[in-house]
Amino acid sequence: MGASSATFHEKLESLSESTVELHRAYASLQEELEAIDWYQQRVDATRDPELRQVLEHNRDEEKEHAMMVLEWIRRRDPVLSRMISLYVGRSGPIVTEASKAEASGSADLEGRKT
C-alpha cells in the first residue's frame, strides 16, 4: 500500500467519524488487494506443486477478505454502490458511450447527455 494512503491527509479532528471509518476500510481493501497480487506472483514463481496449492488457497482467502470489505464500503457509499451496479457483473464493453460522456462531463450519472 502506498505510504500516502496509510495516513490521513487532513487533520483528524476535521474529519467525520464516517470518513475515518471509510478510510480504515479503504486502507484495508488496498492491503487485501496487495496481498492478492503478492500471492499470485508467488503462485506463478513457485515450482513446487504443493506450495502452489497453499499459496493459491491463501490468495483466495485474501479475495474473500477484499470482497467483505468492499461490501461494507458499498453499503455506506451510495455513489459507489450505484457505480458497482452500473459496471460490475455486466457483459459487453466496460467503457460505453454513456460512460465516455459521463467522464467528459457531458452526461449525468444515468448516461443522458446534458
N, C-alpha and C. Protein backbone atom coordinates (compact mmCIF):
# COMPACT_ATOMS: atom_id res chain seq x y z
N MET A 1 0.85 -1.17 0.00
CA MET A 1 0.00 0.00 0.00
C MET A 1 0.89 1.23 0.00
N GLY A 2 0.53 2.22 -0.78
CA GLY A 2 1.29 3.45 -0.80
C GLY A 2 1.27 4.13 0.56
N ALA A 3 2.39 4.70 0.92
CA ALA A 3 2.51 5.34 2.23
C ALA A 3 1.50 6.47 2.40
N SER A 4 1.15 7.15 1.31
CA SER A 4 0.22 8.27 1.42
C SER A 4 -1.18 7.80 1.82
N SER A 5 -1.50 6.54 1.58
CA SER A 5 -2.83 6.04 1.94
C SER A 5 -2.90 5.52 3.37
N ALA A 6 -1.75 5.36 4.00
CA ALA A 6 -1.72 4.83 5.37
C ALA A 6 -2.01 5.90 6.40
N THR A 7 -1.96 7.15 5.99
CA THR A 7 -2.18 8.25 6.93
C THR A 7 -3.32 9.13 6.42
N PHE A 8 -3.77 10.01 7.27
CA PHE A 8 -4.80 10.95 6.88
C PHE A 8 -4.15 12.16 6.23
N HIS A 9 -4.82 12.74 5.26
CA HIS A 9 -4.31 13.91 4.55
C HIS A 9 -4.79 15.21 5.19
N GLU A 10 -5.82 15.10 5.97
CA GLU A 10 -6.37 16.26 6.67
C GLU A 10 -6.26 16.01 8.17
N LYS A 11 -6.42 17.08 8.93
CA LYS A 11 -6.37 16.94 10.39
C LYS A 11 -7.49 16.02 10.84
N LEU A 12 -7.15 15.07 11.69
CA LEU A 12 -8.12 14.07 12.14
C LEU A 12 -9.34 14.72 12.77
N GLU A 13 -9.14 15.79 13.53
CA GLU A 13 -10.28 16.44 14.18
C GLU A 13 -11.22 17.13 13.19
N SER A 14 -10.78 17.29 11.92
CA SER A 14 -11.63 17.88 10.89
C SER A 14 -12.49 16.86 10.18
N LEU A 15 -12.25 15.58 10.45
CA LEU A 15 -12.92 14.51 9.72
C LEU A 15 -14.08 13.93 10.51
N SER A 16 -15.13 13.60 9.79
CA SER A 16 -16.28 12.96 10.43
C SER A 16 -15.91 11.52 10.79
N GLU A 17 -16.67 10.95 11.71
CA GLU A 17 -16.46 9.56 12.08
C GLU A 17 -16.63 8.66 10.86
N SER A 18 -17.59 8.97 10.02
CA SER A 18 -17.84 8.19 8.81
C SER A 18 -16.62 8.19 7.89
N THR A 19 -16.02 9.35 7.70
CA THR A 19 -14.83 9.45 6.85
C THR A 19 -13.67 8.65 7.43
N VAL A 20 -13.50 8.71 8.73
CA VAL A 20 -12.43 7.95 9.39
C VAL A 20 -12.66 6.45 9.20
N GLU A 21 -13.88 6.00 9.40
CA GLU A 21 -14.18 4.57 9.23
C GLU A 21 -14.01 4.15 7.78
N LEU A 22 -14.46 4.97 6.83
CA LEU A 22 -14.26 4.66 5.42
C LEU A 22 -12.78 4.59 5.08
N HIS A 23 -11.99 5.48 5.65
CA HIS A 23 -10.54 5.45 5.41
C HIS A 23 -9.96 4.11 5.87
N ARG A 24 -10.39 3.67 7.04
CA ARG A 24 -9.91 2.37 7.54
C ARG A 24 -10.27 1.26 6.55
N ALA A 25 -11.48 1.31 6.04
CA ALA A 25 -11.92 0.29 5.11
C ALA A 25 -11.16 0.37 3.79
N TYR A 26 -10.95 1.60 3.27
CA TYR A 26 -10.19 1.75 2.02
C TYR A 26 -8.77 1.23 2.19
N ALA A 27 -8.14 1.56 3.32
CA ALA A 27 -6.78 1.08 3.57
C ALA A 27 -6.77 -0.44 3.66
N SER A 28 -7.76 -1.01 4.32
CA SER A 28 -7.83 -2.47 4.42
C SER A 28 -8.03 -3.11 3.05
N LEU A 29 -8.88 -2.51 2.23
CA LEU A 29 -9.11 -3.04 0.88
C LEU A 29 -7.82 -3.00 0.07
N GLN A 30 -7.09 -1.89 0.16
CA GLN A 30 -5.81 -1.79 -0.55
C GLN A 30 -4.84 -2.87 -0.09
N GLU A 31 -4.80 -3.11 1.20
CA GLU A 31 -3.90 -4.13 1.75
C GLU A 31 -4.29 -5.52 1.26
N GLU A 32 -5.59 -5.80 1.21
CA GLU A 32 -6.05 -7.10 0.73
C GLU A 32 -5.71 -7.29 -0.74
N LEU A 33 -5.91 -6.26 -1.56
CA LEU A 33 -5.58 -6.34 -2.98
C LEU A 33 -4.08 -6.53 -3.19
N GLU A 34 -3.29 -5.84 -2.39
CA GLU A 34 -1.85 -6.01 -2.46
C GLU A 34 -1.45 -7.44 -2.11
N ALA A 35 -2.07 -8.01 -1.09
CA ALA A 35 -1.78 -9.39 -0.69
C ALA A 35 -2.16 -10.36 -1.81
N ILE A 36 -3.29 -10.13 -2.47
CA ILE A 36 -3.70 -10.97 -3.59
C ILE A 36 -2.63 -10.94 -4.68
N ASP A 37 -2.15 -9.76 -5.00
CA ASP A 37 -1.11 -9.60 -6.02
C ASP A 37 0.16 -10.34 -5.63
N TRP A 38 0.59 -10.19 -4.39
CA TRP A 38 1.81 -10.86 -3.93
C TRP A 38 1.66 -12.37 -4.01
N TYR A 39 0.53 -12.90 -3.52
CA TYR A 39 0.31 -14.35 -3.58
C TYR A 39 0.29 -14.83 -5.03
N GLN A 40 -0.35 -14.09 -5.92
CA GLN A 40 -0.41 -14.51 -7.32
C GLN A 40 0.99 -14.59 -7.92
N GLN A 41 1.83 -13.63 -7.62
CA GLN A 41 3.20 -13.67 -8.12
C GLN A 41 3.94 -14.89 -7.58
N ARG A 42 3.71 -15.20 -6.31
CA ARG A 42 4.36 -16.38 -5.72
C ARG A 42 3.83 -17.66 -6.34
N VAL A 43 2.53 -17.71 -6.62
CA VAL A 43 1.94 -18.88 -7.30
C VAL A 43 2.65 -19.09 -8.63
N ASP A 44 2.81 -18.04 -9.39
CA ASP A 44 3.47 -18.15 -10.70
C ASP A 44 4.93 -18.56 -10.57
N ALA A 45 5.59 -18.08 -9.54
CA ALA A 45 7.04 -18.28 -9.42
C ALA A 45 7.42 -19.65 -8.86
N THR A 46 6.59 -20.23 -8.01
CA THR A 46 6.99 -21.48 -7.36
C THR A 46 6.94 -22.64 -8.35
N ARG A 47 7.83 -23.58 -8.15
CA ARG A 47 7.86 -24.79 -8.97
C ARG A 47 7.36 -25.99 -8.16
N ASP A 48 7.07 -25.77 -6.89
CA ASP A 48 6.62 -26.84 -6.01
C ASP A 48 5.09 -26.91 -6.05
N PRO A 49 4.51 -27.99 -6.55
CA PRO A 49 3.05 -28.08 -6.70
C PRO A 49 2.28 -27.95 -5.37
N GLU A 50 2.82 -28.52 -4.31
CA GLU A 50 2.12 -28.44 -3.02
C GLU A 50 2.15 -27.01 -2.48
N LEU A 51 3.30 -26.35 -2.60
CA LEU A 51 3.37 -24.95 -2.18
C LEU A 51 2.44 -24.10 -3.02
N ARG A 52 2.35 -24.39 -4.32
CA ARG A 52 1.44 -23.63 -5.18
C ARG A 52 0.01 -23.74 -4.66
N GLN A 53 -0.41 -24.93 -4.26
CA GLN A 53 -1.76 -25.10 -3.72
C GLN A 53 -1.98 -24.28 -2.46
N VAL A 54 -1.00 -24.27 -1.59
CA VAL A 54 -1.10 -23.49 -0.36
C VAL A 54 -1.22 -22.00 -0.69
N LEU A 55 -0.37 -21.54 -1.60
CA LEU A 55 -0.38 -20.12 -1.96
C LEU A 55 -1.67 -19.73 -2.67
N GLU A 56 -2.19 -20.61 -3.52
CA GLU A 56 -3.47 -20.33 -4.18
C GLU A 56 -4.60 -20.23 -3.14
N HIS A 57 -4.58 -21.12 -2.17
CA HIS A 57 -5.57 -21.07 -1.09
C HIS A 57 -5.47 -19.74 -0.34
N ASN A 58 -4.25 -19.36 0.01
CA ASN A 58 -4.05 -18.10 0.74
C ASN A 58 -4.51 -16.91 -0.09
N ARG A 59 -4.18 -16.92 -1.39
CA ARG A 59 -4.60 -15.83 -2.29
C ARG A 59 -6.11 -15.71 -2.31
N ASP A 60 -6.78 -16.85 -2.40
CA ASP A 60 -8.24 -16.83 -2.49
C ASP A 60 -8.89 -16.40 -1.18
N GLU A 61 -8.26 -16.69 -0.06
CA GLU A 61 -8.74 -16.18 1.23
C GLU A 61 -8.68 -14.65 1.24
N GLU A 62 -7.60 -14.09 0.68
CA GLU A 62 -7.48 -12.63 0.61
C GLU A 62 -8.56 -12.03 -0.27
N LYS A 63 -8.95 -12.74 -1.32
CA LYS A 63 -10.04 -12.27 -2.18
C LYS A 63 -11.35 -12.19 -1.39
N GLU A 64 -11.57 -13.21 -0.56
CA GLU A 64 -12.77 -13.19 0.29
C GLU A 64 -12.74 -11.96 1.21
N HIS A 65 -11.61 -11.72 1.83
CA HIS A 65 -11.48 -10.56 2.72
C HIS A 65 -11.73 -9.26 1.97
N ALA A 66 -11.16 -9.15 0.77
CA ALA A 66 -11.32 -7.93 -0.03
C ALA A 66 -12.80 -7.68 -0.35
N MET A 67 -13.51 -8.74 -0.70
CA MET A 67 -14.92 -8.58 -1.07
C MET A 67 -15.77 -8.24 0.14
N MET A 68 -15.41 -8.77 1.30
CA MET A 68 -16.16 -8.43 2.51
C MET A 68 -15.99 -6.94 2.83
N VAL A 69 -14.78 -6.44 2.72
CA VAL A 69 -14.54 -5.01 2.98
C VAL A 69 -15.22 -4.16 1.92
N LEU A 70 -15.14 -4.58 0.66
CA LEU A 70 -15.78 -3.83 -0.41
C LEU A 70 -17.29 -3.74 -0.17
N GLU A 71 -17.89 -4.83 0.26
CA GLU A 71 -19.33 -4.82 0.54
C GLU A 71 -19.65 -3.87 1.69
N TRP A 72 -18.80 -3.84 2.71
CA TRP A 72 -19.01 -2.90 3.83
C TRP A 72 -18.99 -1.46 3.30
N ILE A 73 -18.01 -1.17 2.43
CA ILE A 73 -17.91 0.17 1.84
C ILE A 73 -19.14 0.47 0.99
N ARG A 74 -19.54 -0.49 0.15
CA ARG A 74 -20.68 -0.29 -0.75
C ARG A 74 -21.94 0.07 0.03
N ARG A 75 -22.12 -0.54 1.17
CA ARG A 75 -23.33 -0.28 1.97
C ARG A 75 -23.33 1.12 2.56
N ARG A 76 -22.20 1.76 2.60
CA ARG A 76 -22.10 3.09 3.21
C ARG A 76 -21.86 4.22 2.21
N ASP A 77 -21.67 3.87 0.94
CA ASP A 77 -21.38 4.87 -0.08
C ASP A 77 -22.35 4.68 -1.24
N PRO A 78 -23.43 5.47 -1.27
CA PRO A 78 -24.45 5.28 -2.31
C PRO A 78 -23.93 5.50 -3.73
N VAL A 79 -22.99 6.41 -3.92
CA VAL A 79 -22.46 6.64 -5.27
C VAL A 79 -21.64 5.43 -5.71
N LEU A 80 -20.79 4.91 -4.84
CA LEU A 80 -20.02 3.72 -5.18
C LEU A 80 -20.97 2.54 -5.45
N SER A 81 -22.00 2.42 -4.65
CA SER A 81 -22.98 1.36 -4.85
C SER A 81 -23.61 1.45 -6.24
N ARG A 82 -23.96 2.66 -6.64
CA ARG A 82 -24.53 2.87 -7.97
C ARG A 82 -23.52 2.52 -9.06
N MET A 83 -22.26 2.91 -8.87
CA MET A 83 -21.23 2.60 -9.87
C MET A 83 -21.00 1.10 -9.98
N ILE A 84 -21.03 0.40 -8.85
CA ILE A 84 -20.90 -1.05 -8.87
C ILE A 84 -22.05 -1.65 -9.68
N SER A 85 -23.26 -1.15 -9.45
CA SER A 85 -24.42 -1.65 -10.20
C SER A 85 -24.29 -1.41 -11.69
N LEU A 86 -23.70 -0.29 -12.06
CA LEU A 86 -23.54 0.05 -13.47
C LEU A 86 -22.46 -0.75 -14.16
N TYR A 87 -21.38 -1.10 -13.44
CA TYR A 87 -20.20 -1.65 -14.11
C TYR A 87 -19.84 -3.08 -13.75
N VAL A 88 -20.26 -3.59 -12.62
CA VAL A 88 -19.82 -4.91 -12.18
C VAL A 88 -20.86 -5.96 -12.55
N GLY A 89 -20.39 -7.07 -13.09
CA GLY A 89 -21.26 -8.19 -13.41
C GLY A 89 -22.01 -8.05 -14.71
N ARG A 90 -21.60 -7.11 -15.53
CA ARG A 90 -22.26 -6.90 -16.82
C ARG A 90 -21.38 -7.46 -17.93
N SER A 91 -22.03 -7.89 -19.01
CA SER A 91 -21.26 -8.32 -20.18
C SER A 91 -21.15 -7.14 -21.14
N GLY A 92 -20.37 -7.32 -22.16
CA GLY A 92 -20.18 -6.28 -23.15
C GLY A 92 -19.06 -5.34 -22.77
N PRO A 93 -18.88 -4.30 -23.54
CA PRO A 93 -17.77 -3.37 -23.28
C PRO A 93 -17.91 -2.68 -21.92
N ILE A 94 -16.81 -2.53 -21.26
CA ILE A 94 -16.82 -1.82 -19.97
C ILE A 94 -17.00 -0.33 -20.20
N VAL A 95 -16.25 0.20 -21.15
CA VAL A 95 -16.35 1.63 -21.47
C VAL A 95 -17.37 1.77 -22.60
N THR A 96 -18.46 2.45 -22.28
CA THR A 96 -19.53 2.65 -23.26
C THR A 96 -19.60 4.13 -23.62
N GLU A 97 -20.43 4.43 -24.59
CA GLU A 97 -20.62 5.84 -24.97
C GLU A 97 -21.14 6.63 -23.78
N ALA A 98 -22.03 6.02 -22.99
CA ALA A 98 -22.57 6.71 -21.82
C ALA A 98 -21.47 7.01 -20.80
N SER A 99 -20.58 6.04 -20.56
CA SER A 99 -19.51 6.28 -19.58
C SER A 99 -18.50 7.29 -20.12
N LYS A 100 -18.27 7.30 -21.43
CA LYS A 100 -17.39 8.31 -22.01
C LYS A 100 -17.98 9.70 -21.83
N ALA A 101 -19.29 9.82 -22.08
CA ALA A 101 -19.96 11.11 -21.91
C ALA A 101 -19.94 11.54 -20.46
N GLU A 102 -20.16 10.59 -19.56
CA GLU A 102 -20.13 10.91 -18.13
C GLU A 102 -18.74 11.39 -17.71
N ALA A 103 -17.70 10.70 -18.17
CA ALA A 103 -16.34 11.07 -17.80
C ALA A 103 -15.96 12.44 -18.34
N SER A 104 -16.49 12.79 -19.50
CA SER A 104 -16.17 14.09 -20.08
C SER A 104 -16.99 15.22 -19.47
N GLY A 105 -18.00 14.84 -18.67
CA GLY A 105 -18.85 15.85 -18.04
C GLY A 105 -20.03 16.26 -18.89
N SER A 106 -20.25 15.56 -20.01
CA SER A 106 -21.36 15.94 -20.88
C SER A 106 -22.59 15.06 -20.69
N ALA A 107 -22.61 14.28 -19.60
CA ALA A 107 -23.78 13.45 -19.30
C ALA A 107 -23.93 13.35 -17.80
N ASP A 108 -25.16 13.07 -17.35
CA ASP A 108 -25.37 12.84 -15.93
C ASP A 108 -25.01 11.39 -15.60
N LEU A 109 -25.19 10.97 -14.37
CA LEU A 109 -24.81 9.62 -13.95
C LEU A 109 -25.63 8.53 -14.61
N GLU A 110 -26.75 8.85 -15.21
CA GLU A 110 -27.55 7.85 -15.89
C GLU A 110 -27.15 7.74 -17.36
N GLY A 111 -26.17 8.54 -17.80
CA GLY A 111 -25.67 8.43 -19.16
C GLY A 111 -26.38 9.33 -20.15
N ARG A 112 -27.32 10.16 -19.67
CA ARG A 112 -28.01 11.07 -20.59
C ARG A 112 -27.14 12.28 -20.87
N LYS A 113 -27.10 12.67 -22.12
CA LYS A 113 -26.33 13.87 -22.48
C LYS A 113 -26.99 15.08 -21.86
N THR A 114 -26.13 15.98 -21.35
CA THR A 114 -26.66 17.19 -20.73
C THR A 114 -26.41 18.40 -21.59
